[in-house]
């Protein structure tokens, strides 16, 4: 699995800790982490939580990433921004129970964590345990297990609803404020990671056009 890590500007100083913790958990399982930043609070490429949503949508819809790990101060803004786009189903994950139940019940492709609220003693342990619970079982298995069939059915219904309620991502990108989109794609590693991994030719072409 290709996992993209995205930090917005208010919590960028924690990127190294989050990335190291994520790699510690997932790399032994055979997953690969792509750190799209922000890498530090004073990065030239600054990401708002709205731009986190744009970047997450580009990565997931193009299949440059299979899963996005993101967040903000509370996790709420990043979650809302991600869910504003087609092809993104983002859960708000505060603790390991949230992480496990999101994978089993909702079977999405992005999680948004609070990186300021509740970030105190033992925060690095909670972060590690959250990441661990994301990968202890195959996603979509249901919780409790006797609810698996209706939960899987509801997930499919939600996916179909989002196809109707959201426009085509390429149309969205071309109609959004150009500077807003360019800012979302301005990270120093974006071009290297994206073009090496993306598979959707239409989205790749749109991104090339936007980047000029």
N, C-alpha and C. Protein backbone atom coordinates (compact mmCIF):
# COMPACT_ATOMS: atom_id res chain seq x y z
N UNK A 1 0.84 -1.19 0.00
CA UNK A 1 0.00 0.00 0.00
C UNK A 1 0.88 1.25 0.00
N UNK A 2 0.52 2.21 -0.84
CA UNK A 2 1.21 3.50 -0.87
C UNK A 2 0.46 4.47 0.07
N UNK A 3 1.14 4.93 1.10
CA UNK A 3 0.51 5.79 2.11
C UNK A 3 1.10 7.18 1.99
N UNK A 4 0.24 8.18 1.80
CA UNK A 4 0.69 9.57 1.72
C UNK A 4 0.45 10.26 3.05
N UNK A 5 1.47 10.92 3.57
CA UNK A 5 1.35 11.73 4.77
C UNK A 5 1.31 13.19 4.37
N UNK A 6 0.30 13.92 4.86
CA UNK A 6 0.15 15.35 4.57
C UNK A 6 -0.08 16.10 5.88
N UNK A 7 0.74 17.10 6.14
CA UNK A 7 0.56 17.99 7.30
C UNK A 7 0.25 19.40 6.83
N UNK A 8 -0.74 20.04 7.46
CA UNK A 8 -1.00 21.45 7.13
C UNK A 8 -0.14 22.36 8.01
N UNK A 9 -0.25 23.67 7.76
CA UNK A 9 0.74 24.60 8.30
C UNK A 9 0.75 24.72 9.82
N UNK A 10 -0.41 24.61 10.48
CA UNK A 10 -0.41 24.86 11.92
C UNK A 10 0.31 23.78 12.70
N UNK A 11 0.43 22.57 12.12
CA UNK A 11 1.06 21.44 12.83
C UNK A 11 2.28 20.90 12.07
N UNK A 12 2.83 21.70 11.19
CA UNK A 12 3.93 21.22 10.36
C UNK A 12 5.17 20.87 11.17
N UNK A 13 5.37 21.52 12.30
CA UNK A 13 6.55 21.25 13.11
C UNK A 13 6.58 19.81 13.62
N UNK A 14 5.44 19.14 13.62
CA UNK A 14 5.36 17.76 14.12
C UNK A 14 5.51 16.72 13.01
N UNK A 15 5.77 17.17 11.79
CA UNK A 15 5.82 16.26 10.65
C UNK A 15 6.82 15.14 10.84
N UNK A 16 8.02 15.46 11.30
CA UNK A 16 9.06 14.43 11.44
C UNK A 16 8.65 13.35 12.43
N UNK A 17 8.08 13.76 13.57
CA UNK A 17 7.63 12.79 14.57
C UNK A 17 6.53 11.90 14.00
N UNK A 18 5.57 12.52 13.32
CA UNK A 18 4.46 11.75 12.75
C UNK A 18 4.96 10.79 11.69
N UNK A 19 5.84 11.27 10.82
CA UNK A 19 6.36 10.44 9.73
C UNK A 19 7.18 9.27 10.28
N UNK A 20 8.05 9.54 11.24
CA UNK A 20 8.87 8.49 11.82
C UNK A 20 8.01 7.43 12.51
N UNK A 21 6.97 7.87 13.21
CA UNK A 21 6.09 6.94 13.90
C UNK A 21 5.32 6.09 12.91
N UNK A 22 4.84 6.73 11.85
CA UNK A 22 4.10 6.01 10.81
C UNK A 22 4.98 4.96 10.14
N UNK A 23 6.19 5.34 9.77
CA UNK A 23 7.10 4.41 9.12
C UNK A 23 7.44 3.23 10.03
N UNK A 24 7.64 3.53 11.30
CA UNK A 24 7.96 2.48 12.27
C UNK A 24 6.89 1.40 12.30
N UNK A 25 5.63 1.83 12.14
CA UNK A 25 4.51 0.88 12.20
C UNK A 25 4.30 0.17 10.88
N UNK A 26 4.31 0.92 9.76
CA UNK A 26 3.82 0.34 8.50
C UNK A 26 4.90 -0.28 7.62
N UNK A 27 6.13 0.19 7.70
CA UNK A 27 7.15 -0.36 6.81
C UNK A 27 7.43 -1.84 7.07
N UNK A 28 7.43 -2.30 8.34
CA UNK A 28 7.59 -3.75 8.56
C UNK A 28 6.44 -4.58 7.97
N UNK A 29 5.30 -3.93 7.70
CA UNK A 29 4.15 -4.63 7.12
C UNK A 29 4.20 -4.62 5.59
N UNK A 30 5.22 -3.98 5.02
CA UNK A 30 5.37 -3.95 3.58
C UNK A 30 4.77 -2.73 2.90
N UNK A 31 4.29 -1.77 3.69
CA UNK A 31 3.71 -0.55 3.11
C UNK A 31 4.80 0.50 2.92
N UNK A 32 4.54 1.45 2.01
CA UNK A 32 5.50 2.51 1.70
C UNK A 32 4.90 3.86 2.03
N UNK A 33 5.69 4.71 2.70
CA UNK A 33 5.23 6.04 3.10
C UNK A 33 5.84 7.09 2.19
N UNK A 34 4.99 7.99 1.69
CA UNK A 34 5.43 9.14 0.91
C UNK A 34 5.06 10.39 1.69
N UNK A 35 6.06 11.10 2.15
CA UNK A 35 5.84 12.28 2.98
C UNK A 35 5.73 13.51 2.09
N UNK A 36 4.50 14.01 1.91
CA UNK A 36 4.27 15.17 1.06
C UNK A 36 4.38 16.49 1.82
N UNK A 37 4.80 16.43 3.09
CA UNK A 37 4.92 17.65 3.87
C UNK A 37 3.58 18.16 4.35
N UNK A 38 3.55 19.34 4.94
CA UNK A 38 4.69 20.21 5.14
C UNK A 38 5.73 19.56 6.07
N UNK A 39 6.98 19.96 5.87
CA UNK A 39 8.06 19.35 6.61
C UNK A 39 8.48 20.18 7.82
N UNK A 40 8.20 21.47 7.77
CA UNK A 40 8.53 22.38 8.88
C UNK A 40 7.62 23.60 8.79
N UNK A 41 7.48 24.29 9.91
CA UNK A 41 6.56 25.42 9.96
C UNK A 41 6.94 26.54 9.00
N UNK A 42 8.24 26.64 8.68
CA UNK A 42 8.70 27.73 7.81
C UNK A 42 8.92 27.27 6.37
N UNK A 43 8.33 26.14 5.98
CA UNK A 43 8.42 25.70 4.58
C UNK A 43 7.96 26.80 3.64
N UNK A 44 8.60 26.88 2.50
CA UNK A 44 8.18 27.85 1.48
C UNK A 44 6.78 27.50 0.98
N UNK A 45 6.52 26.21 0.80
CA UNK A 45 5.19 25.74 0.36
C UNK A 45 4.31 25.53 1.59
N UNK A 46 3.40 26.46 1.83
CA UNK A 46 2.51 26.41 2.98
C UNK A 46 1.18 25.78 2.59
N UNK A 47 0.71 24.83 3.39
CA UNK A 47 -0.56 24.15 3.12
C UNK A 47 -1.60 24.51 4.17
N UNK A 48 -2.75 25.03 3.74
CA UNK A 48 -3.89 25.17 4.63
C UNK A 48 -4.63 23.84 4.66
N UNK A 49 -5.56 23.69 5.60
CA UNK A 49 -6.29 22.43 5.64
C UNK A 49 -7.19 22.27 4.41
N UNK A 50 -7.60 23.37 3.80
CA UNK A 50 -8.37 23.28 2.55
C UNK A 50 -7.49 22.69 1.45
N UNK A 51 -6.24 23.12 1.38
CA UNK A 51 -5.32 22.59 0.37
C UNK A 51 -4.95 21.14 0.66
N UNK A 52 -4.99 20.74 1.92
CA UNK A 52 -4.82 19.33 2.25
C UNK A 52 -5.87 18.49 1.54
N UNK A 53 -7.11 18.98 1.53
CA UNK A 53 -8.19 18.28 0.85
C UNK A 53 -7.94 18.17 -0.64
N UNK A 54 -7.47 19.24 -1.25
CA UNK A 54 -7.16 19.23 -2.69
C UNK A 54 -6.07 18.21 -2.99
N UNK A 55 -4.99 18.27 -2.23
CA UNK A 55 -3.87 17.37 -2.45
C UNK A 55 -4.28 15.91 -2.22
N UNK A 56 -5.03 15.66 -1.17
CA UNK A 56 -5.50 14.29 -0.90
C UNK A 56 -6.34 13.76 -2.05
N UNK A 57 -7.22 14.61 -2.58
CA UNK A 57 -8.08 14.19 -3.70
C UNK A 57 -7.27 13.86 -4.94
N UNK A 58 -6.27 14.69 -5.23
CA UNK A 58 -5.40 14.44 -6.38
C UNK A 58 -4.67 13.11 -6.23
N UNK A 59 -4.13 12.87 -5.06
CA UNK A 59 -3.34 11.65 -4.84
C UNK A 59 -4.20 10.40 -4.89
N UNK A 60 -5.37 10.44 -4.23
CA UNK A 60 -6.21 9.25 -4.15
C UNK A 60 -6.90 8.94 -5.48
N UNK A 61 -7.42 9.96 -6.14
CA UNK A 61 -8.13 9.72 -7.39
C UNK A 61 -7.19 9.30 -8.52
N UNK A 62 -5.96 9.77 -8.48
CA UNK A 62 -4.98 9.40 -9.50
C UNK A 62 -4.32 8.06 -9.19
N UNK A 63 -4.59 7.54 -7.98
CA UNK A 63 -3.96 6.31 -7.49
C UNK A 63 -2.47 6.46 -7.24
N UNK A 64 -2.03 7.71 -7.07
CA UNK A 64 -0.66 7.94 -6.60
C UNK A 64 -0.52 7.48 -5.15
N UNK A 65 -1.64 7.43 -4.43
CA UNK A 65 -1.66 6.93 -3.06
C UNK A 65 -2.90 6.08 -2.86
N UNK A 66 -2.78 5.09 -2.00
CA UNK A 66 -3.91 4.24 -1.64
C UNK A 66 -4.59 4.72 -0.36
N UNK A 67 -3.84 5.42 0.47
CA UNK A 67 -4.34 5.90 1.77
C UNK A 67 -3.66 7.21 2.09
N UNK A 68 -4.42 8.16 2.61
CA UNK A 68 -3.87 9.44 3.06
C UNK A 68 -3.99 9.52 4.58
N UNK A 69 -2.89 9.85 5.22
CA UNK A 69 -2.87 10.16 6.65
C UNK A 69 -2.66 11.66 6.76
N UNK A 70 -3.60 12.35 7.40
CA UNK A 70 -3.48 13.79 7.52
C UNK A 70 -4.06 14.25 8.85
N UNK A 71 -4.24 15.54 8.99
CA UNK A 71 -4.79 16.09 10.21
C UNK A 71 -4.55 17.59 10.28
N UNK A 72 -4.94 18.16 11.39
CA UNK A 72 -4.73 19.58 11.66
C UNK A 72 -4.79 19.74 13.18
N UNK A 73 -5.11 20.93 13.67
CA UNK A 73 -5.16 21.11 15.11
C UNK A 73 -6.14 20.18 15.79
N UNK A 74 -7.35 20.13 15.27
CA UNK A 74 -8.39 19.26 15.82
C UNK A 74 -8.64 18.03 14.96
N UNK A 75 -8.20 18.06 13.72
CA UNK A 75 -8.51 17.01 12.76
C UNK A 75 -9.79 17.26 12.01
N UNK A 76 -10.64 18.15 12.53
CA UNK A 76 -11.95 18.38 11.92
C UNK A 76 -11.83 19.07 10.57
N UNK A 77 -11.03 20.14 10.50
CA UNK A 77 -10.91 20.88 9.25
C UNK A 77 -10.37 20.03 8.13
N UNK A 78 -9.31 19.27 8.41
CA UNK A 78 -8.73 18.40 7.39
C UNK A 78 -9.74 17.35 6.93
N UNK A 79 -10.49 16.80 7.88
CA UNK A 79 -11.50 15.80 7.53
C UNK A 79 -12.58 16.39 6.64
N UNK A 80 -13.07 17.57 6.99
CA UNK A 80 -14.12 18.21 6.20
C UNK A 80 -13.62 18.56 4.80
N UNK A 81 -12.39 19.08 4.72
CA UNK A 81 -11.84 19.45 3.42
C UNK A 81 -11.66 18.22 2.54
N UNK A 82 -11.17 17.14 3.10
CA UNK A 82 -10.99 15.91 2.32
C UNK A 82 -12.33 15.39 1.79
N UNK A 83 -13.33 15.40 2.65
CA UNK A 83 -14.64 14.87 2.26
C UNK A 83 -15.40 15.78 1.30
N UNK A 84 -14.86 16.98 1.04
CA UNK A 84 -15.49 17.88 0.07
C UNK A 84 -15.25 17.42 -1.36
N UNK A 85 -14.38 16.42 -1.54
CA UNK A 85 -13.96 16.02 -2.89
C UNK A 85 -14.42 14.61 -3.23
N UNK A 86 -14.61 14.36 -4.53
CA UNK A 86 -14.99 13.00 -4.97
C UNK A 86 -13.85 12.03 -4.71
N UNK A 87 -14.21 10.78 -4.52
CA UNK A 87 -13.20 9.74 -4.40
C UNK A 87 -12.44 9.73 -3.10
N UNK A 88 -12.86 10.56 -2.14
CA UNK A 88 -12.18 10.62 -0.84
C UNK A 88 -13.21 10.36 0.26
N UNK A 89 -12.93 9.39 1.10
CA UNK A 89 -13.78 9.10 2.25
C UNK A 89 -12.88 9.14 3.49
N UNK A 90 -12.96 10.25 4.21
CA UNK A 90 -12.02 10.52 5.30
C UNK A 90 -12.71 10.42 6.65
N UNK A 91 -12.11 9.70 7.57
CA UNK A 91 -12.62 9.58 8.92
C UNK A 91 -11.85 10.44 9.90
N UNK A 92 -12.54 10.89 10.94
CA UNK A 92 -11.90 11.66 12.01
C UNK A 92 -11.49 10.67 13.09
N UNK A 93 -10.18 10.52 13.29
CA UNK A 93 -9.64 9.48 14.17
C UNK A 93 -8.89 10.13 15.32
N UNK A 94 -9.38 9.89 16.53
CA UNK A 94 -8.77 10.47 17.73
C UNK A 94 -7.97 9.44 18.50
N UNK A 95 -8.47 8.20 18.54
CA UNK A 95 -7.83 7.18 19.36
C UNK A 95 -7.82 5.84 18.61
N UNK A 96 -7.15 4.82 19.16
CA UNK A 96 -7.05 3.54 18.45
C UNK A 96 -8.39 2.89 18.14
N UNK A 97 -9.39 3.07 19.03
CA UNK A 97 -10.71 2.51 18.75
C UNK A 97 -11.32 3.14 17.52
N UNK A 98 -11.21 4.47 17.41
CA UNK A 98 -11.67 5.16 16.20
C UNK A 98 -11.01 4.57 14.96
N UNK A 99 -9.70 4.38 15.04
CA UNK A 99 -8.94 3.89 13.89
C UNK A 99 -9.45 2.52 13.45
N UNK A 100 -9.60 1.62 14.40
CA UNK A 100 -10.04 0.26 14.07
C UNK A 100 -11.46 0.26 13.51
N UNK A 101 -12.36 0.98 14.16
CA UNK A 101 -13.75 0.97 13.72
C UNK A 101 -13.93 1.65 12.38
N UNK A 102 -13.12 2.68 12.10
CA UNK A 102 -13.21 3.32 10.79
C UNK A 102 -12.81 2.34 9.69
N UNK A 103 -11.73 1.58 9.92
CA UNK A 103 -11.30 0.63 8.90
C UNK A 103 -12.34 -0.47 8.69
N UNK A 104 -12.98 -0.90 9.75
CA UNK A 104 -13.89 -2.04 9.66
C UNK A 104 -15.29 -1.64 9.21
N UNK A 105 -15.79 -0.51 9.70
CA UNK A 105 -17.17 -0.10 9.42
C UNK A 105 -17.25 0.76 8.16
N UNK A 106 -16.37 1.75 8.06
CA UNK A 106 -16.49 2.75 7.00
C UNK A 106 -15.60 2.47 5.79
N UNK A 107 -14.48 1.78 6.02
CA UNK A 107 -13.62 1.33 4.93
C UNK A 107 -13.28 2.46 3.96
N UNK A 108 -12.82 3.58 4.52
CA UNK A 108 -12.48 4.74 3.69
C UNK A 108 -11.06 4.68 3.18
N UNK A 109 -10.55 5.83 2.75
CA UNK A 109 -9.20 5.87 2.20
C UNK A 109 -8.37 7.04 2.74
N UNK A 110 -8.87 7.69 3.79
CA UNK A 110 -8.12 8.79 4.41
C UNK A 110 -8.54 8.92 5.87
N UNK A 111 -7.59 9.32 6.70
CA UNK A 111 -7.91 9.60 8.11
C UNK A 111 -7.30 10.94 8.49
N UNK A 112 -8.04 11.68 9.30
CA UNK A 112 -7.59 12.98 9.79
C UNK A 112 -7.48 12.92 11.31
N UNK A 113 -6.32 13.26 11.83
CA UNK A 113 -6.05 13.18 13.26
C UNK A 113 -5.90 14.57 13.86
N UNK A 114 -6.20 14.72 15.16
CA UNK A 114 -5.91 15.97 15.86
C UNK A 114 -4.45 15.98 16.29
N UNK A 115 -3.69 16.95 15.81
CA UNK A 115 -2.28 17.03 16.15
C UNK A 115 -1.98 18.15 17.15
N UNK A 116 -3.04 18.79 17.66
CA UNK A 116 -2.86 19.80 18.72
C UNK A 116 -3.79 19.49 19.89
N UNK A 117 -5.09 19.36 19.62
CA UNK A 117 -6.06 19.05 20.67
C UNK A 117 -5.73 17.70 21.31
N UNK A 118 -5.57 17.72 22.64
CA UNK A 118 -5.25 16.50 23.36
C UNK A 118 -3.82 16.03 23.19
N UNK A 119 -2.97 16.87 22.61
CA UNK A 119 -1.59 16.48 22.31
C UNK A 119 -0.73 16.78 23.54
N UNK A 120 -0.70 15.85 24.45
CA UNK A 120 0.04 16.04 25.69
C UNK A 120 0.88 14.83 26.02
N UNK A 121 0.98 14.55 27.30
CA UNK A 121 1.79 13.43 27.78
C UNK A 121 1.29 12.12 27.17
N UNK A 122 2.20 11.37 26.57
CA UNK A 122 1.83 10.11 25.94
C UNK A 122 1.30 10.24 24.52
N UNK A 123 1.36 11.45 23.95
CA UNK A 123 0.79 11.65 22.62
C UNK A 123 1.45 10.77 21.58
N UNK A 124 2.76 10.57 21.71
CA UNK A 124 3.46 9.75 20.72
C UNK A 124 3.03 8.29 20.81
N UNK A 125 2.64 7.85 22.00
CA UNK A 125 2.13 6.49 22.15
C UNK A 125 0.77 6.33 21.50
N UNK A 126 -0.11 7.32 21.73
CA UNK A 126 -1.43 7.27 21.10
C UNK A 126 -1.30 7.26 19.58
N UNK A 127 -0.37 8.06 19.07
CA UNK A 127 -0.13 8.12 17.63
C UNK A 127 0.29 6.75 17.11
N UNK A 128 1.22 6.11 17.79
CA UNK A 128 1.67 4.80 17.38
C UNK A 128 0.54 3.77 17.43
N UNK A 129 -0.24 3.80 18.50
CA UNK A 129 -1.33 2.83 18.66
C UNK A 129 -2.43 3.04 17.61
N UNK A 130 -2.69 4.31 17.27
CA UNK A 130 -3.66 4.61 16.20
C UNK A 130 -3.18 4.00 14.89
N UNK A 131 -1.93 4.23 14.55
CA UNK A 131 -1.40 3.68 13.30
C UNK A 131 -1.43 2.15 13.31
N UNK A 132 -1.12 1.57 14.45
CA UNK A 132 -1.16 0.11 14.54
C UNK A 132 -2.56 -0.44 14.30
N UNK A 133 -3.56 0.21 14.87
CA UNK A 133 -4.93 -0.29 14.74
C UNK A 133 -5.50 -0.11 13.34
N UNK A 134 -4.88 0.74 12.54
CA UNK A 134 -5.31 0.88 11.15
C UNK A 134 -4.99 -0.37 10.33
N UNK A 135 -4.04 -1.17 10.82
CA UNK A 135 -3.52 -2.26 9.99
C UNK A 135 -3.56 -3.62 10.66
N UNK A 136 -4.40 -3.79 11.67
CA UNK A 136 -4.45 -5.09 12.35
C UNK A 136 -5.37 -6.07 11.65
N UNK A 137 -6.22 -5.61 10.75
CA UNK A 137 -7.15 -6.49 10.05
C UNK A 137 -7.44 -5.91 8.67
N UNK A 138 -7.88 -6.77 7.76
CA UNK A 138 -8.27 -6.29 6.44
C UNK A 138 -9.43 -5.31 6.57
N UNK A 139 -9.37 -4.21 5.82
CA UNK A 139 -10.39 -3.17 5.93
C UNK A 139 -11.73 -3.67 5.40
N UNK A 140 -12.81 -3.18 6.02
CA UNK A 140 -14.15 -3.50 5.55
C UNK A 140 -14.70 -4.79 6.11
N UNK A 141 -14.06 -5.33 7.13
CA UNK A 141 -14.50 -6.60 7.69
C UNK A 141 -15.75 -6.53 8.56
N UNK A 142 -16.12 -5.31 8.97
CA UNK A 142 -17.31 -5.13 9.79
C UNK A 142 -17.03 -5.13 11.28
N UNK A 143 -17.77 -4.30 12.00
CA UNK A 143 -17.70 -4.29 13.46
C UNK A 143 -19.05 -3.85 14.02
N UNK A 144 -19.63 -4.67 14.91
CA UNK A 144 -19.23 -6.05 15.19
C UNK A 144 -19.43 -6.93 13.96
N UNK A 145 -18.84 -8.12 13.98
CA UNK A 145 -18.79 -8.94 12.78
C UNK A 145 -20.19 -9.27 12.23
N UNK A 146 -21.17 -9.36 13.12
CA UNK A 146 -22.52 -9.69 12.64
C UNK A 146 -23.15 -8.53 11.87
N UNK A 147 -22.52 -7.36 11.92
CA UNK A 147 -23.02 -6.21 11.17
C UNK A 147 -22.29 -6.04 9.85
N UNK A 148 -21.40 -6.96 9.49
CA UNK A 148 -20.55 -6.78 8.33
C UNK A 148 -21.33 -6.58 7.04
N UNK A 149 -22.35 -7.39 6.81
CA UNK A 149 -23.09 -7.32 5.54
C UNK A 149 -23.79 -5.98 5.36
N UNK A 150 -24.60 -5.51 6.32
CA UNK A 150 -25.23 -4.19 6.11
C UNK A 150 -24.22 -3.05 6.06
N UNK A 151 -23.11 -3.15 6.79
CA UNK A 151 -22.10 -2.09 6.75
C UNK A 151 -21.43 -2.04 5.38
N UNK A 152 -21.13 -3.20 4.83
CA UNK A 152 -20.53 -3.24 3.49
C UNK A 152 -21.50 -2.70 2.45
N UNK A 153 -22.79 -3.03 2.61
CA UNK A 153 -23.82 -2.52 1.69
C UNK A 153 -23.91 -1.00 1.79
N UNK A 154 -23.90 -0.46 3.01
CA UNK A 154 -24.00 0.99 3.19
C UNK A 154 -22.78 1.71 2.61
N UNK A 155 -21.60 1.10 2.74
CA UNK A 155 -20.40 1.71 2.16
C UNK A 155 -20.53 1.82 0.65
N UNK A 156 -21.03 0.77 0.00
CA UNK A 156 -21.22 0.81 -1.45
C UNK A 156 -22.25 1.86 -1.84
N UNK A 157 -23.30 1.99 -1.04
CA UNK A 157 -24.32 3.02 -1.31
C UNK A 157 -23.70 4.41 -1.20
N UNK A 158 -22.90 4.62 -0.16
CA UNK A 158 -22.26 5.93 0.02
C UNK A 158 -21.33 6.24 -1.14
N UNK A 159 -20.58 5.26 -1.60
CA UNK A 159 -19.69 5.47 -2.75
C UNK A 159 -20.48 5.93 -3.98
N UNK A 160 -21.64 5.30 -4.21
CA UNK A 160 -22.46 5.66 -5.35
C UNK A 160 -23.07 7.05 -5.18
N UNK A 161 -23.47 7.38 -3.95
CA UNK A 161 -24.01 8.72 -3.67
C UNK A 161 -22.96 9.78 -3.97
N UNK A 162 -21.72 9.56 -3.55
CA UNK A 162 -20.66 10.54 -3.78
C UNK A 162 -20.38 10.74 -5.26
N UNK A 163 -20.58 9.70 -6.08
CA UNK A 163 -20.39 9.85 -7.51
C UNK A 163 -21.40 10.82 -8.11
N UNK A 164 -22.59 10.87 -7.52
CA UNK A 164 -23.65 11.75 -8.02
C UNK A 164 -23.52 13.15 -7.45
N UNK A 165 -23.13 13.25 -6.18
CA UNK A 165 -23.12 14.55 -5.50
C UNK A 165 -21.83 15.34 -5.71
N UNK A 166 -20.83 14.72 -6.35
CA UNK A 166 -19.57 15.41 -6.61
C UNK A 166 -19.32 15.49 -8.10
N UNK A 167 -18.71 16.59 -8.54
CA UNK A 167 -18.30 16.74 -9.92
C UNK A 167 -17.03 15.95 -10.20
N UNK A 168 -16.69 15.83 -11.47
CA UNK A 168 -15.44 15.21 -11.88
C UNK A 168 -14.26 15.99 -11.29
N UNK A 169 -13.27 15.28 -10.74
CA UNK A 169 -12.16 15.96 -10.06
C UNK A 169 -11.40 16.89 -10.99
N UNK A 170 -11.20 16.49 -12.25
CA UNK A 170 -10.47 17.36 -13.17
C UNK A 170 -11.21 18.67 -13.41
N UNK A 171 -12.54 18.60 -13.51
CA UNK A 171 -13.34 19.82 -13.65
C UNK A 171 -13.21 20.69 -12.41
N UNK A 172 -13.22 20.04 -11.24
CA UNK A 172 -13.08 20.78 -9.98
C UNK A 172 -11.75 21.51 -9.94
N UNK A 173 -10.67 20.80 -10.25
CA UNK A 173 -9.34 21.41 -10.19
C UNK A 173 -9.22 22.60 -11.13
N UNK A 174 -9.81 22.49 -12.31
CA UNK A 174 -9.69 23.56 -13.29
C UNK A 174 -10.59 24.75 -12.96
N UNK A 175 -11.60 24.53 -12.13
CA UNK A 175 -12.51 25.62 -11.78
C UNK A 175 -12.21 26.27 -10.43
N UNK A 176 -11.38 25.63 -9.63
CA UNK A 176 -10.96 26.24 -8.37
C UNK A 176 -9.99 27.38 -8.65
N UNK A 177 -9.81 28.24 -7.65
CA UNK A 177 -8.82 29.30 -7.76
C UNK A 177 -7.46 28.69 -8.09
N UNK A 178 -6.82 29.16 -9.14
CA UNK A 178 -5.58 28.55 -9.62
C UNK A 178 -4.47 28.60 -8.57
N UNK A 179 -4.36 29.72 -7.89
CA UNK A 179 -3.31 29.84 -6.87
C UNK A 179 -3.55 28.89 -5.71
N UNK A 180 -4.82 28.66 -5.38
CA UNK A 180 -5.15 27.72 -4.31
C UNK A 180 -4.69 26.32 -4.67
N UNK A 181 -4.95 25.91 -5.89
CA UNK A 181 -4.55 24.57 -6.35
C UNK A 181 -3.04 24.48 -6.48
N UNK A 182 -2.42 25.49 -7.06
CA UNK A 182 -0.96 25.48 -7.20
C UNK A 182 -0.29 25.37 -5.84
N UNK A 183 -0.84 26.06 -4.85
CA UNK A 183 -0.28 25.98 -3.50
C UNK A 183 -0.39 24.59 -2.92
N UNK A 184 -1.48 23.90 -3.25
CA UNK A 184 -1.67 22.54 -2.75
C UNK A 184 -0.68 21.57 -3.36
N UNK A 185 -0.19 21.88 -4.56
CA UNK A 185 0.71 20.98 -5.29
C UNK A 185 2.15 21.47 -5.28
N UNK A 186 2.46 22.39 -4.38
CA UNK A 186 3.76 23.06 -4.43
C UNK A 186 4.83 22.43 -3.55
N UNK A 187 4.50 21.37 -2.84
CA UNK A 187 5.49 20.74 -1.98
C UNK A 187 6.72 20.29 -2.76
N UNK A 188 7.89 20.32 -2.11
CA UNK A 188 9.14 20.06 -2.84
C UNK A 188 9.23 18.65 -3.39
N UNK A 189 8.50 17.70 -2.81
CA UNK A 189 8.56 16.32 -3.31
C UNK A 189 7.34 15.95 -4.14
N UNK A 190 6.39 16.87 -4.31
CA UNK A 190 5.15 16.50 -5.00
C UNK A 190 5.40 15.92 -6.37
N UNK A 191 6.13 16.63 -7.21
CA UNK A 191 6.33 16.17 -8.59
C UNK A 191 7.02 14.81 -8.63
N UNK A 192 8.03 14.62 -7.79
CA UNK A 192 8.76 13.35 -7.77
C UNK A 192 7.84 12.20 -7.40
N UNK A 193 7.07 12.36 -6.32
CA UNK A 193 6.21 11.29 -5.83
C UNK A 193 5.01 11.07 -6.74
N UNK A 194 4.37 12.17 -7.12
CA UNK A 194 3.12 12.07 -7.88
C UNK A 194 3.33 11.42 -9.24
N UNK A 195 4.25 11.95 -10.02
CA UNK A 195 4.41 11.45 -11.39
C UNK A 195 5.02 10.05 -11.43
N UNK A 196 5.69 9.65 -10.36
CA UNK A 196 6.23 8.29 -10.30
C UNK A 196 5.15 7.26 -9.94
N UNK A 197 4.06 7.71 -9.33
CA UNK A 197 3.09 6.76 -8.80
C UNK A 197 1.67 6.89 -9.36
N UNK A 198 1.30 8.04 -9.88
CA UNK A 198 -0.06 8.25 -10.36
C UNK A 198 -0.35 7.35 -11.57
N UNK A 199 -1.60 6.89 -11.68
CA UNK A 199 -1.99 5.98 -12.76
C UNK A 199 -3.11 6.51 -13.64
N UNK A 200 -3.86 7.50 -13.17
CA UNK A 200 -4.98 8.02 -13.93
C UNK A 200 -4.47 9.07 -14.92
N UNK A 201 -4.52 8.74 -16.20
CA UNK A 201 -3.92 9.62 -17.22
C UNK A 201 -4.62 10.96 -17.33
N UNK A 202 -5.93 10.97 -17.13
CA UNK A 202 -6.67 12.23 -17.21
C UNK A 202 -6.25 13.18 -16.11
N UNK A 203 -6.12 12.66 -14.88
CA UNK A 203 -5.70 13.51 -13.76
C UNK A 203 -4.25 13.93 -13.92
N UNK A 204 -3.41 13.02 -14.40
CA UNK A 204 -2.00 13.37 -14.64
C UNK A 204 -1.92 14.53 -15.64
N UNK A 205 -2.70 14.45 -16.71
CA UNK A 205 -2.68 15.51 -17.72
C UNK A 205 -3.18 16.83 -17.14
N UNK A 206 -4.21 16.76 -16.32
CA UNK A 206 -4.75 17.97 -15.71
C UNK A 206 -3.73 18.60 -14.78
N UNK A 207 -3.05 17.78 -13.99
CA UNK A 207 -2.03 18.30 -13.08
C UNK A 207 -0.89 18.93 -13.88
N UNK A 208 -0.45 18.29 -14.95
CA UNK A 208 0.60 18.87 -15.78
C UNK A 208 0.17 20.23 -16.33
N UNK A 209 -1.08 20.32 -16.75
CA UNK A 209 -1.60 21.56 -17.31
C UNK A 209 -1.61 22.66 -16.25
N UNK A 210 -2.03 22.31 -15.04
CA UNK A 210 -2.10 23.30 -13.97
C UNK A 210 -0.70 23.76 -13.56
N UNK A 211 0.24 22.81 -13.50
CA UNK A 211 1.59 23.16 -13.11
C UNK A 211 2.33 23.92 -14.20
N UNK A 212 1.79 23.82 -15.42
CA UNK A 212 2.41 24.55 -16.52
C UNK A 212 3.66 23.87 -17.04
